[in-house]
Amino acid sequence: MPRRNRPRRDETRGDVSRAFRPVDVVQSYAGGRWTVRVLRGNSEGKVYTCPGCQQQLASSLPHVVVWPMDRLGDVTDRRHWHTSCWQARDRRPPQGSWR
């Protein structure tokens, strides 16, 4: 009986969709813990208002989505931030009520 000389391929190795799934991280801010997801941008054509600068943020631009860790992150809890605004949140707190 012939022997198999080639190593078997792991079936999950070919699944490249796992590499493009968003990864959630938890960060602290304003006395709470927040779930932060980095988005690459898409072609939905939606426009959000960044709570950090109150400027428009097109969904086609890379940005972050932030919601309180203790909630499920439904539509009413999520806020879309410019990445730079989220990184500067300690120096430049959000304007208006965004929670």
PDB file of N, CA and C in Angstrom:
ATOM      1  N   MET A   1       0.839  -1.171   0.000  1.00  0.00           N
ATOM      2  CA  MET A   1       0.000   0.000   0.000  1.00  0.00           C
ATOM      3  C   MET A   1       0.890   1.243   0.000  1.00  0.00           C
ATOM      4  N   PRO A   2       0.698   2.180  -0.951  1.00  0.00           N
ATOM      5  CA  PRO A   2       1.568   3.352  -1.016  1.00  0.00           C
ATOM      6  C   PRO A   2       1.358   4.272   0.181  1.00  0.00           C
ATOM      7  N   ARG A   3       2.452   4.885   0.538  1.00  0.00           N
ATOM      8  CA  ARG A   3       2.426   5.823   1.654  1.00  0.00           C
ATOM      9  C   ARG A   3       2.156   7.227   1.166  1.00  0.00           C
ATOM     10  N   ARG A   4       1.458   7.997   1.958  1.00  0.00           N
ATOM     11  CA  ARG A   4       1.178   9.387   1.588  1.00  0.00           C
ATOM     12  C   ARG A   4       2.380  10.248   1.985  1.00  0.00           C
ATOM     13  N   ASN A   5       3.038  10.869   1.013  1.00  0.00           N
ATOM     14  CA  ASN A   5       4.239  11.646   1.290  1.00  0.00           C
ATOM     15  C   ASN A   5       3.960  13.109   1.609  1.00  0.00           C
ATOM     16  N   ARG A   6       2.820  13.580   1.189  1.00  0.00           N
ATOM     17  CA  ARG A   6       2.509  14.985   1.434  1.00  0.00           C
ATOM     18  C   ARG A   6       1.770  15.142   2.762  1.00  0.00           C
ATOM     19  N   PRO A   7       2.114  16.161   3.531  1.00  0.00           N
ATOM     20  CA  PRO A   7       1.375  16.377   4.776  1.00  0.00           C
ATOM     21  C   PRO A   7      -0.049  16.837   4.466  1.00  0.00           C
ATOM     22  N   ARG A   8      -0.969  16.447   5.291  1.00  0.00           N
ATOM     23  CA  ARG A   8      -2.356  16.865   5.104  1.00  0.00           C
ATOM     24  C   ARG A   8      -2.493  18.333   5.435  1.00  0.00           C
ATOM     25  N   ARG A   9      -3.299  19.001   4.653  1.00  0.00           N
ATOM     26  CA  ARG A   9      -3.543  20.419   4.899  1.00  0.00           C
ATOM     27  C   ARG A   9      -4.627  20.573   5.951  1.00  0.00           C
ATOM     28  N   ASP A  10      -4.398  21.534   6.794  1.00  0.00           N
ATOM     29  CA  ASP A  10      -5.420  21.864   7.785  1.00  0.00           C
ATOM     30  C   ASP A  10      -6.570  22.544   7.044  1.00  0.00           C
ATOM     31  N   GLU A  11      -7.779  22.058   7.226  1.00  0.00           N
ATOM     32  CA  GLU A  11      -8.934  22.575   6.497  1.00  0.00           C
ATOM     33  C   GLU A  11      -9.210  24.040   6.825  1.00  0.00           C
ATOM     34  N   THR A  12      -8.926  24.475   8.042  1.00  0.00           N
ATOM     35  CA  THR A  12      -9.203  25.873   8.419  1.00  0.00           C
ATOM     36  C   THR A  12      -8.145  26.826   7.887  1.00  0.00           C
ATOM     37  N   ARG A  13      -7.053  26.306   7.408  1.00  0.00           N
ATOM     38  CA  ARG A  13      -5.988  27.157   6.893  1.00  0.00           C
ATOM     39  C   ARG A  13      -6.418  27.976   5.686  1.00  0.00           C
ATOM     40  N   GLY A  14      -7.259  27.439   4.871  1.00  0.00           N
ATOM     41  CA  GLY A  14      -7.691  28.122   3.665  1.00  0.00           C
ATOM     42  C   GLY A  14      -8.801  29.138   3.906  1.00  0.00           C
ATOM     43  N   ASP A  15      -9.289  29.244   5.123  1.00  0.00           N
ATOM     44  CA  ASP A  15     -10.389  30.153   5.433  1.00  0.00           C
ATOM     45  C   ASP A  15      -9.841  31.556   5.691  1.00  0.00           C
ATOM     46  N   VAL A  16      -9.751  32.370   4.649  1.00  0.00           N
ATOM     47  CA  VAL A  16      -9.208  33.715   4.799  1.00  0.00           C
ATOM     48  C   VAL A  16     -10.218  34.689   5.405  1.00  0.00           C
ATOM     49  N   SER A  17     -11.479  34.317   5.467  1.00  0.00           N
ATOM     50  CA  SER A  17     -12.474  35.219   6.030  1.00  0.00           C
ATOM     51  C   SER A  17     -12.198  35.490   7.507  1.00  0.00           C
ATOM     52  N   ARG A  18     -11.563  34.556   8.193  1.00  0.00           N
ATOM     53  CA  ARG A  18     -11.227  34.775   9.605  1.00  0.00           C
ATOM     54  C   ARG A  18     -10.253  35.926   9.769  1.00  0.00           C
ATOM     55  N   ALA A  19      -9.388  36.133   8.812  1.00  0.00           N
ATOM     56  CA  ALA A  19      -8.405  37.207   8.913  1.00  0.00           C
ATOM     57  C   ALA A  19      -9.035  38.584   8.776  1.00  0.00           C
ATOM     58  N   PHE A  20     -10.215  38.670   8.182  1.00  0.00           N
ATOM     59  CA  PHE A  20     -10.842  39.961   7.942  1.00  0.00           C
ATOM     60  C   PHE A  20     -11.978  40.272   8.907  1.00  0.00           C
ATOM     61  N   ARG A  21     -12.241  39.387   9.853  1.00  0.00           N
ATOM     62  CA  ARG A  21     -13.270  39.665  10.848  1.00  0.00           C
ATOM     63  C   ARG A  21     -12.789  40.754  11.789  1.00  0.00           C
ATOM     64  N   PRO A  22     -13.684  41.659  12.180  1.00  0.00           N
ATOM     65  CA  PRO A  22     -13.260  42.691  13.128  1.00  0.00           C
ATOM     66  C   PRO A  22     -12.947  42.079  14.486  1.00  0.00           C
ATOM     67  N   VAL A  23     -11.963  42.647  15.148  1.00  0.00           N
ATOM     68  CA  VAL A  23     -11.562  42.191  16.467  1.00  0.00           C
ATOM     69  C   VAL A  23     -11.955  43.267  17.471  1.00  0.00           C
ATOM     70  N   ASP A  24     -12.663  42.868  18.517  1.00  0.00           N
ATOM     71  CA  ASP A  24     -13.072  43.806  19.546  1.00  0.00           C
ATOM     72  C   ASP A  24     -12.024  43.854  20.647  1.00  0.00           C
ATOM     73  N   VAL A  25     -11.712  45.051  21.109  1.00  0.00           N
ATOM     74  CA  VAL A  25     -10.817  45.233  22.247  1.00  0.00           C
ATOM     75  C   VAL A  25     -11.563  46.039  23.300  1.00  0.00           C
ATOM     76  N   VAL A  26     -11.157  45.915  24.534  1.00  0.00           N
ATOM     77  CA  VAL A  26     -11.783  46.652  25.627  1.00  0.00           C
ATOM     78  C   VAL A  26     -10.809  47.713  26.099  1.00  0.00           C
ATOM     79  N   GLN A  27     -11.285  48.967  26.191  1.00  0.00           N
ATOM     80  CA  GLN A  27     -10.463  50.080  26.642  1.00  0.00           C
ATOM     81  C   GLN A  27     -11.215  50.853  27.711  1.00  0.00           C
ATOM     82  N   SER A  28     -10.465  51.500  28.589  1.00  0.00           N
ATOM     83  CA  SER A  28     -11.069  52.300  29.650  1.00  0.00           C
ATOM     84  C   SER A  28     -11.176  53.745  29.205  1.00  0.00           C
ATOM     85  N   TYR A  29     -12.265  54.372  29.633  1.00  0.00           N
ATOM     86  CA  TYR A  29     -12.460  55.792  29.345  1.00  0.00           C
ATOM     87  C   TYR A  29     -13.588  56.323  30.217  1.00  0.00           C
ATOM     88  N   ALA A  30     -13.405  57.491  30.780  1.00  0.00           N
ATOM     89  CA  ALA A  30     -14.423  58.210  31.553  1.00  0.00           C
ATOM     90  C   ALA A  30     -15.021  57.336  32.657  1.00  0.00           C
ATOM     91  N   GLY A  31     -14.179  56.597  33.340  1.00  0.00           N
ATOM     92  CA  GLY A  31     -14.636  55.771  34.440  1.00  0.00           C
ATOM     93  C   GLY A  31     -15.375  54.512  34.038  1.00  0.00           C
ATOM     94  N   GLY A  32     -15.381  54.180  32.772  1.00  0.00           N
ATOM     95  CA  GLY A  32     -16.067  52.974  32.300  1.00  0.00           C
ATOM     96  C   GLY A  32     -15.179  52.159  31.391  1.00  0.00           C
ATOM     97  N   ARG A  33     -15.667  50.993  31.032  1.00  0.00           N
ATOM     98  CA  ARG A  33     -14.954  50.129  30.095  1.00  0.00           C
ATOM     99  C   ARG A  33     -15.768  50.070  28.811  1.00  0.00           C
ATOM    100  N   TRP A  34     -15.079  50.210  27.695  1.00  0.00           N
ATOM    101  CA  TRP A  34     -15.723  50.347  26.389  1.00  0.00           C
ATOM    102  C   TRP A  34     -15.195  49.287  25.442  1.00  0.00           C
ATOM    103  N   THR A  35     -16.082  48.728  24.658  1.00  0.00           N
ATOM    104  CA  THR A  35     -15.694  47.813  23.597  1.00  0.00           C
ATOM    105  C   THR A  35     -15.440  48.643  22.350  1.00  0.00           C
ATOM    106  N   VAL A  36     -14.290  48.419  21.734  1.00  0.00           N
ATOM    107  CA  VAL A  36     -13.877  49.199  20.565  1.00  0.00           C
ATOM    108  C   VAL A  36     -13.638  48.239  19.409  1.00  0.00           C
ATOM    109  N   ARG A  37     -14.251  48.532  18.276  1.00  0.00           N
ATOM    110  CA  ARG A  37     -14.079  47.726  17.067  1.00  0.00           C
ATOM    111  C   ARG A  37     -13.557  48.627  15.954  1.00  0.00           C
ATOM    112  N   VAL A  38     -12.478  48.210  15.328  1.00  0.00           N
ATOM    113  CA  VAL A  38     -11.892  48.957  14.213  1.00  0.00           C
ATOM    114  C   VAL A  38     -12.563  48.485  12.926  1.00  0.00           C
ATOM    115  N   LEU A  39     -13.077  49.435  12.151  1.00  0.00           N
ATOM    116  CA  LEU A  39     -13.713  49.125  10.876  1.00  0.00           C
ATOM    117  C   LEU A  39     -12.861  49.659   9.735  1.00  0.00           C
ATOM    118  N   ARG A  40     -12.791  48.904   8.661  1.00  0.00           N
ATOM    119  CA  ARG A  40     -11.985  49.299   7.496  1.00  0.00           C
ATOM    120  C   ARG A  40     -12.701  50.285   6.601  1.00  0.00           C
ATOM    121  N   GLY A  41     -13.991  50.392   6.736  1.00  0.00           N
ATOM    122  CA  GLY A  41     -14.783  51.232   5.837  1.00  0.00           C
ATOM    123  C   GLY A  41     -15.528  50.349   4.855  1.00  0.00           C
ATOM    124  N   ASN A  42     -16.645  50.850   4.376  1.00  0.00           N
ATOM    125  CA  ASN A  42     -17.456  50.076   3.431  1.00  0.00           C
ATOM    126  C   ASN A  42     -18.159  51.022   2.468  1.00  0.00           C
ATOM    127  N   SER A  43     -18.935  50.478   1.597  1.00  0.00           N
ATOM    128  CA  SER A  43     -19.591  51.304   0.579  1.00  0.00           C
ATOM    129  C   SER A  43     -21.081  51.490   0.869  1.00  0.00           C
ATOM    130  N   GLU A  44     -21.479  51.424   2.133  1.00  0.00           N
ATOM    131  CA  GLU A  44     -22.889  51.588   2.484  1.00  0.00           C
ATOM    132  C   GLU A  44     -23.401  52.994   2.203  1.00  0.00           C
ATOM    133  N   GLY A  45     -22.539  53.967   2.288  1.00  0.00           N
ATOM    134  CA  GLY A  45     -22.950  55.338   2.030  1.00  0.00           C
ATOM    135  C   GLY A  45     -23.565  56.039   3.232  1.00  0.00           C
ATOM    136  N   LYS A  46     -23.468  55.437   4.416  1.00  0.00           N
ATOM    137  CA  LYS A  46     -24.003  56.069   5.615  1.00  0.00           C
ATOM    138  C   LYS A  46     -23.068  57.170   6.091  1.00  0.00           C
ATOM    139  N   VAL A  47     -23.650  58.126   6.802  1.00  0.00           N
ATOM    140  CA  VAL A  47     -22.864  59.215   7.376  1.00  0.00           C
ATOM    141  C   VAL A  47     -23.200  59.284   8.859  1.00  0.00           C
ATOM    142  N   TYR A  48     -22.169  59.313   9.696  1.00  0.00           N
ATOM    143  CA  TYR A  48     -22.325  59.395  11.140  1.00  0.00           C
ATOM    144  C   TYR A  48     -21.759  60.726  11.617  1.00  0.00           C
ATOM    145  N   THR A  49     -22.065  61.092  12.850  1.00  0.00           N
ATOM    146  CA  THR A  49     -21.474  62.272  13.475  1.00  0.00           C
ATOM    147  C   THR A  49     -20.532  61.786  14.565  1.00  0.00           C
ATOM    148  N   CYS A  50     -19.274  62.136  14.455  1.00  0.00           N
ATOM    149  CA  CYS A  50     -18.261  61.740  15.427  1.00  0.00           C
ATOM    150  C   CYS A  50     -18.498  62.512  16.721  1.00  0.00           C
ATOM    151  N   PRO A  51     -18.627  61.835  17.873  1.00  0.00           N
ATOM    152  CA  PRO A  51     -18.849  62.543  19.126  1.00  0.00           C
ATOM    153  C   PRO A  51     -17.627  63.329  19.586  1.00  0.00           C
ATOM    154  N   GLY A  52     -16.454  63.030  19.063  1.00  0.00           N
ATOM    155  CA  GLY A  52     -15.248  63.726  19.478  1.00  0.00           C
ATOM    156  C   GLY A  52     -15.092  65.093  18.859  1.00  0.00           C
ATOM    157  N   CYS A  53     -15.517  65.257  17.612  1.00  0.00           N
ATOM    158  CA  CYS A  53     -15.317  66.536  16.913  1.00  0.00           C
ATOM    159  C   CYS A  53     -16.602  67.104  16.334  1.00  0.00           C
ATOM    160  N   GLN A  54     -17.691  66.345  16.422  1.00  0.00           N
ATOM    161  CA  GLN A  54     -18.992  66.752  15.879  1.00  0.00           C
ATOM    162  C   GLN A  54     -18.963  66.971  14.368  1.00  0.00           C
ATOM    163  N   GLN A  55     -18.015  66.357  13.678  1.00  0.00           N
ATOM    164  CA  GLN A  55     -17.927  66.442  12.225  1.00  0.00           C
ATOM    165  C   GLN A  55     -18.516  65.161  11.618  1.00  0.00           C
ATOM    166  N   GLN A  56     -18.875  65.244  10.351  1.00  0.00           N
ATOM    167  CA  GLN A  56     -19.423  64.071   9.679  1.00  0.00           C
ATOM    168  C   GLN A  56     -18.341  63.036   9.419  1.00  0.00           C
ATOM    169  N   LEU A  57     -18.769  61.786   9.483  1.00  0.00           N
ATOM    170  CA  LEU A  57     -17.874  60.659   9.286  1.00  0.00           C
ATOM    171  C   LEU A  57     -18.546  59.704   8.311  1.00  0.00           C
ATOM    172  N   ALA A  58     -17.999  59.589   7.133  1.00  0.00           N
ATOM    173  CA  ALA A  58     -18.567  58.693   6.118  1.00  0.00           C
ATOM    174  C   ALA A  58     -18.201  57.253   6.445  1.00  0.00           C
ATOM    175  N   SER A  59     -19.131  56.343   6.214  1.00  0.00           N
ATOM    176  CA  SER A  59     -18.872  54.928   6.504  1.00  0.00           C
ATOM    177  C   SER A  59     -17.790  54.346   5.594  1.00  0.00           C
ATOM    178  N   SER A  60     -17.445  55.043   4.527  1.00  0.00           N
ATOM    179  CA  SER A  60     -16.411  54.544   3.618  1.00  0.00           C
ATOM    180  C   SER A  60     -15.006  54.748   4.176  1.00  0.00           C
ATOM    181  N   LEU A  61     -14.863  55.583   5.212  1.00  0.00           N
ATOM    182  CA  LEU A  61     -13.555  55.828   5.816  1.00  0.00           C
ATOM    183  C   LEU A  61     -13.286  54.826   6.933  1.00  0.00           C
ATOM    184  N   PRO A  62     -12.024  54.431   7.120  1.00  0.00           N
ATOM    185  CA  PRO A  62     -11.706  53.598   8.278  1.00  0.00           C
ATOM    186  C   PRO A  62     -11.988  54.394   9.560  1.00  0.00           C
ATOM    187  N   HIS A  63     -12.605  53.749  10.551  1.00  0.00           N
ATOM    188  CA  HIS A  63     -12.934  54.410  11.805  1.00  0.00           C
ATOM    189  C   HIS A  63     -13.170  53.366  12.881  1.00  0.00           C
ATOM    190  N   VAL A  64     -13.529  53.809  14.085  1.00  0.00           N
ATOM    191  CA  VAL A  64     -13.811  52.872  15.172  1.00  0.00           C
ATOM    192  C   VAL A  64     -15.257  53.024  15.617  1.00  0.00           C
ATOM    193  N   VAL A  65     -15.817  51.932  16.109  1.00  0.00           N
ATOM    194  CA  VAL A  65     -17.149  51.930  16.694  1.00  0.00           C
ATOM    195  C   VAL A  65     -16.959  51.578  18.164  1.00  0.00           C
ATOM    196  N   VAL A  66     -17.588  52.364  19.044  1.00  0.00           N
ATOM    197  CA  VAL A  66     -17.387  52.224  20.478  1.00  0.00           C
ATOM    198  C   VAL A  66     -18.742  52.067  21.154  1.00  0.00           C
ATOM    199  N   TRP A  67     -18.831  51.143  22.126  1.00  0.00           N
ATOM    200  CA  TRP A  67     -20.043  51.011  22.925  1.00  0.00           C
ATOM    201  C   TRP A  67     -19.658  50.534  24.323  1.00  0.00           C
ATOM    202  N   PRO A  68     -20.502  50.813  25.323  1.00  0.00           N
ATOM    203  CA  PRO A  68     -20.196  50.391  26.694  1.00  0.00           C
ATOM    204  C   PRO A  68     -20.077  48.872  26.782  1.00  0.00           C
ATOM    205  N   MET A  69     -19.084  48.415  27.533  1.00  0.00           N
ATOM    206  CA  MET A  69     -18.835  46.980  27.628  1.00  0.00           C
ATOM    207  C   MET A  69     -19.971  46.247  28.330  1.00  0.00           C
ATOM    208  N   ASP A  70     -20.653  46.907  29.247  1.00  0.00           N
ATOM    209  CA  ASP A  70     -21.698  46.231  30.011  1.00  0.00           C
ATOM    210  C   ASP A  70     -23.007  46.088  29.241  1.00  0.00           C
ATOM    211  N   ARG A  71     -23.080  46.642  28.049  1.00  0.00           N
ATOM    212  CA  ARG A  71     -24.278  46.502  27.220  1.00  0.00           C
ATOM    213  C   ARG A  71     -23.948  45.661  26.007  1.00  0.00           C
ATOM    214  N   LEU A  72     -24.956  45.295  25.253  1.00  0.00           N
ATOM    215  CA  LEU A  72     -24.745  44.424  24.102  1.00  0.00           C
ATOM    216  C   LEU A  72     -24.269  45.170  22.868  1.00  0.00           C
ATOM    217  N   GLY A  73     -24.311  46.479  22.888  1.00  0.00           N
ATOM    218  CA  GLY A  73     -23.843  47.236  21.739  1.00  0.00           C
ATOM    219  C   GLY A  73     -24.859  47.325  20.633  1.00  0.00           C
ATOM    220  N   ASP A  74     -26.139  47.448  21.011  1.00  0.00           N
ATOM    221  CA  ASP A  74     -27.140  47.608  19.961  1.00  0.00           C
ATOM    222  C   ASP A  74     -27.009  49.002  19.342  1.00  0.00           C
ATOM    223  N   VAL A  75     -27.805  49.295  18.393  1.00  0.00           N
ATOM    224  CA  VAL A  75     -27.672  50.528  17.609  1.00  0.00           C
ATOM    225  C   VAL A  75     -27.713  51.781  18.482  1.00  0.00           C
ATOM    226  N   THR A  76     -28.493  51.771  19.538  1.00  0.00           N
ATOM    227  CA  THR A  76     -28.599  52.974  20.377  1.00  0.00           C
ATOM    228  C   THR A  76     -27.368  53.203  21.235  1.00  0.00           C
ATOM    229  N   ASP A  77     -26.565  52.172  21.476  1.00  0.00           N
ATOM    230  CA  ASP A  77     -25.373  52.303  22.315  1.00  0.00           C
ATOM    231  C   ASP A  77     -24.108  52.614  21.526  1.00  0.00           C
ATOM    232  N   ARG A  78     -24.068  52.286  20.257  1.00  0.00           N
ATOM    233  CA  ARG A  78     -22.837  52.415  19.469  1.00  0.00           C
ATOM    234  C   ARG A  78     -22.618  53.842  18.995  1.00  0.00           C
ATOM    235  N   ARG A  79     -21.358  54.240  18.993  1.00  0.00           N
ATOM    236  CA  ARG A  79     -20.968  55.540  18.467  1.00  0.00           C
ATOM    237  C   ARG A  79     -19.789  55.340  17.525  1.00  0.00           C
ATOM    238  N   HIS A  80     -19.860  55.978  16.384  1.00  0.00           N
ATOM    239  CA  HIS A  80     -18.799  55.902  15.379  1.00  0.00           C
ATOM    240  C   HIS A  80     -17.884  57.103  15.562  1.00  0.00           C
ATOM    241  N   TRP A  81     -16.611  56.846  15.796  1.00  0.00           N
ATOM    242  CA  TRP A  81     -15.603  57.880  16.029  1.00  0.00           C
ATOM    243  C   TRP A  81     -14.572  57.857  14.909  1.00  0.00           C
ATOM    244  N   HIS A  82     -14.032  59.037  14.567  1.00  0.00           N
ATOM    245  CA  HIS A  82     -12.800  59.058  13.779  1.00  0.00           C
ATOM    246  C   HIS A  82     -11.744  58.375  14.648  1.00  0.00           C
ATOM    247  N   THR A  83     -10.860  57.631  14.055  1.00  0.00           N
ATOM    248  CA  THR A  83      -9.825  56.946  14.823  1.00  0.00           C
ATOM    249  C   THR A  83      -8.982  57.939  15.608  1.00  0.00           C
ATOM    250  N   SER A  84      -8.624  59.048  14.990  1.00  0.00           N
ATOM    251  CA  SER A  84      -7.797  60.050  15.675  1.00  0.00           C
ATOM    252  C   SER A  84      -8.550  60.713  16.830  1.00  0.00           C
ATOM    253  N   CYS A  85      -9.847  60.916  16.683  1.00  0.00           N
ATOM    254  CA  CYS A  85     -10.647  61.500  17.767  1.00  0.00           C
ATOM    255  C   CYS A  85     -10.718  60.541  18.951  1.00  0.00           C
ATOM    256  N   TRP A  86     -10.885  59.249  18.686  1.00  0.00           N
ATOM    257  CA  TRP A  86     -10.930  58.279  19.778  1.00  0.00           C
ATOM    258  C   TRP A  86      -9.590  58.212  20.487  1.00  0.00           C
ATOM    259  N   GLN A  87      -8.499  58.291  19.726  1.00  0.00           N
ATOM    260  CA  GLN A  87      -7.174  58.251  20.340  1.00  0.00           C
ATOM    261  C   GLN A  87      -6.900  59.497  21.173  1.00  0.00           C
ATOM    262  N   ALA A  88      -7.531  60.620  20.832  1.00  0.00           N
ATOM    263  CA  ALA A  88      -7.335  61.873  21.552  1.00  0.00           C
ATOM    264  C   ALA A  88      -8.458  62.137  22.551  1.00  0.00           C
ATOM    265  N   ARG A  89      -9.233  61.147  22.913  1.00  0.00           N
ATOM    266  CA  ARG A  89     -10.415  61.347  23.753  1.00  0.00           C
ATOM    267  C   ARG A  89     -10.092  61.896  25.129  1.00  0.00           C
ATOM    268  N   ASP A  90      -8.891  61.658  25.649  1.00  0.00           N
ATOM    269  CA  ASP A  90      -8.518  62.208  26.958  1.00  0.00           C
ATOM    270  C   ASP A  90      -8.160  63.685  26.871  1.00  0.00           C
ATOM    271  N   ARG A  91      -7.579  64.089  25.771  1.00  0.00           N
ATOM    272  CA  ARG A  91      -7.223  65.505  25.576  1.00  0.00           C
ATOM    273  C   ARG A  91      -8.398  66.323  25.079  1.00  0.00           C
ATOM    274  N   ARG A  92      -9.263  65.683  24.305  1.00  0.00           N
ATOM    275  CA  ARG A  92     -10.388  66.366  23.681  1.00  0.00           C
ATOM    276  C   ARG A  92     -11.656  65.569  23.955  1.00  0.00           C
ATOM    277  N   PRO A  93     -12.289  65.774  25.096  1.00  0.00           N
ATOM    278  CA  PRO A  93     -13.477  64.959  25.418  1.00  0.00           C
ATOM    279  C   PRO A  93     -14.606  65.188  24.432  1.00  0.00           C
ATOM    280  N   PRO A  94     -15.553  64.245  24.362  1.00  0.00           N
ATOM    281  CA  PRO A  94     -16.676  64.368  23.448  1.00  0.00           C
ATOM    282  C   PRO A  94     -17.502  65.608  23.757  1.00  0.00           C
ATOM    283  N   GLN A  95     -18.057  66.183  22.720  1.00  0.00           N
ATOM    284  CA  GLN A  95     -18.903  67.360  22.853  1.00  0.00           C
ATOM    285  C   GLN A  95     -20.352  66.910  22.839  1.00  0.00           C
ATOM    286  N   GLY A  96     -21.163  67.551  23.646  1.00  0.00           N
ATOM    287  CA  GLY A  96     -22.587  67.192  23.680  1.00  0.00           C
ATOM    288  C   GLY A  96     -22.798  65.890  24.434  1.00  0.00           C
ATOM    289  N   SER A  97     -23.998  65.384  24.384  1.00  0.00           N
ATOM    290  CA  SER A  97     -24.294  64.123  25.071  1.00  0.00           C
ATOM    291  C   SER A  97     -24.184  62.984  24.068  1.00  0.00           C
ATOM    292  N   TRP A  98     -23.305  62.069  24.329  1.00  0.00           N
ATOM    293  CA  TRP A  98     -23.110  60.955  23.412  1.00  0.00           C
ATOM    294  C   TRP A  98     -23.324  59.626  24.102  1.00  0.00           C
ATOM    295  N   ARG A  99     -23.585  59.611  25.391  1.00  0.00           N
ATOM    296  CA  ARG A  99     -23.755  58.334  26.087  1.00  0.00           C
ATOM    297  C   ARG A  99     -25.143  57.896  26.018  1.00  0.00           C
TER     298      ARG A  99
END
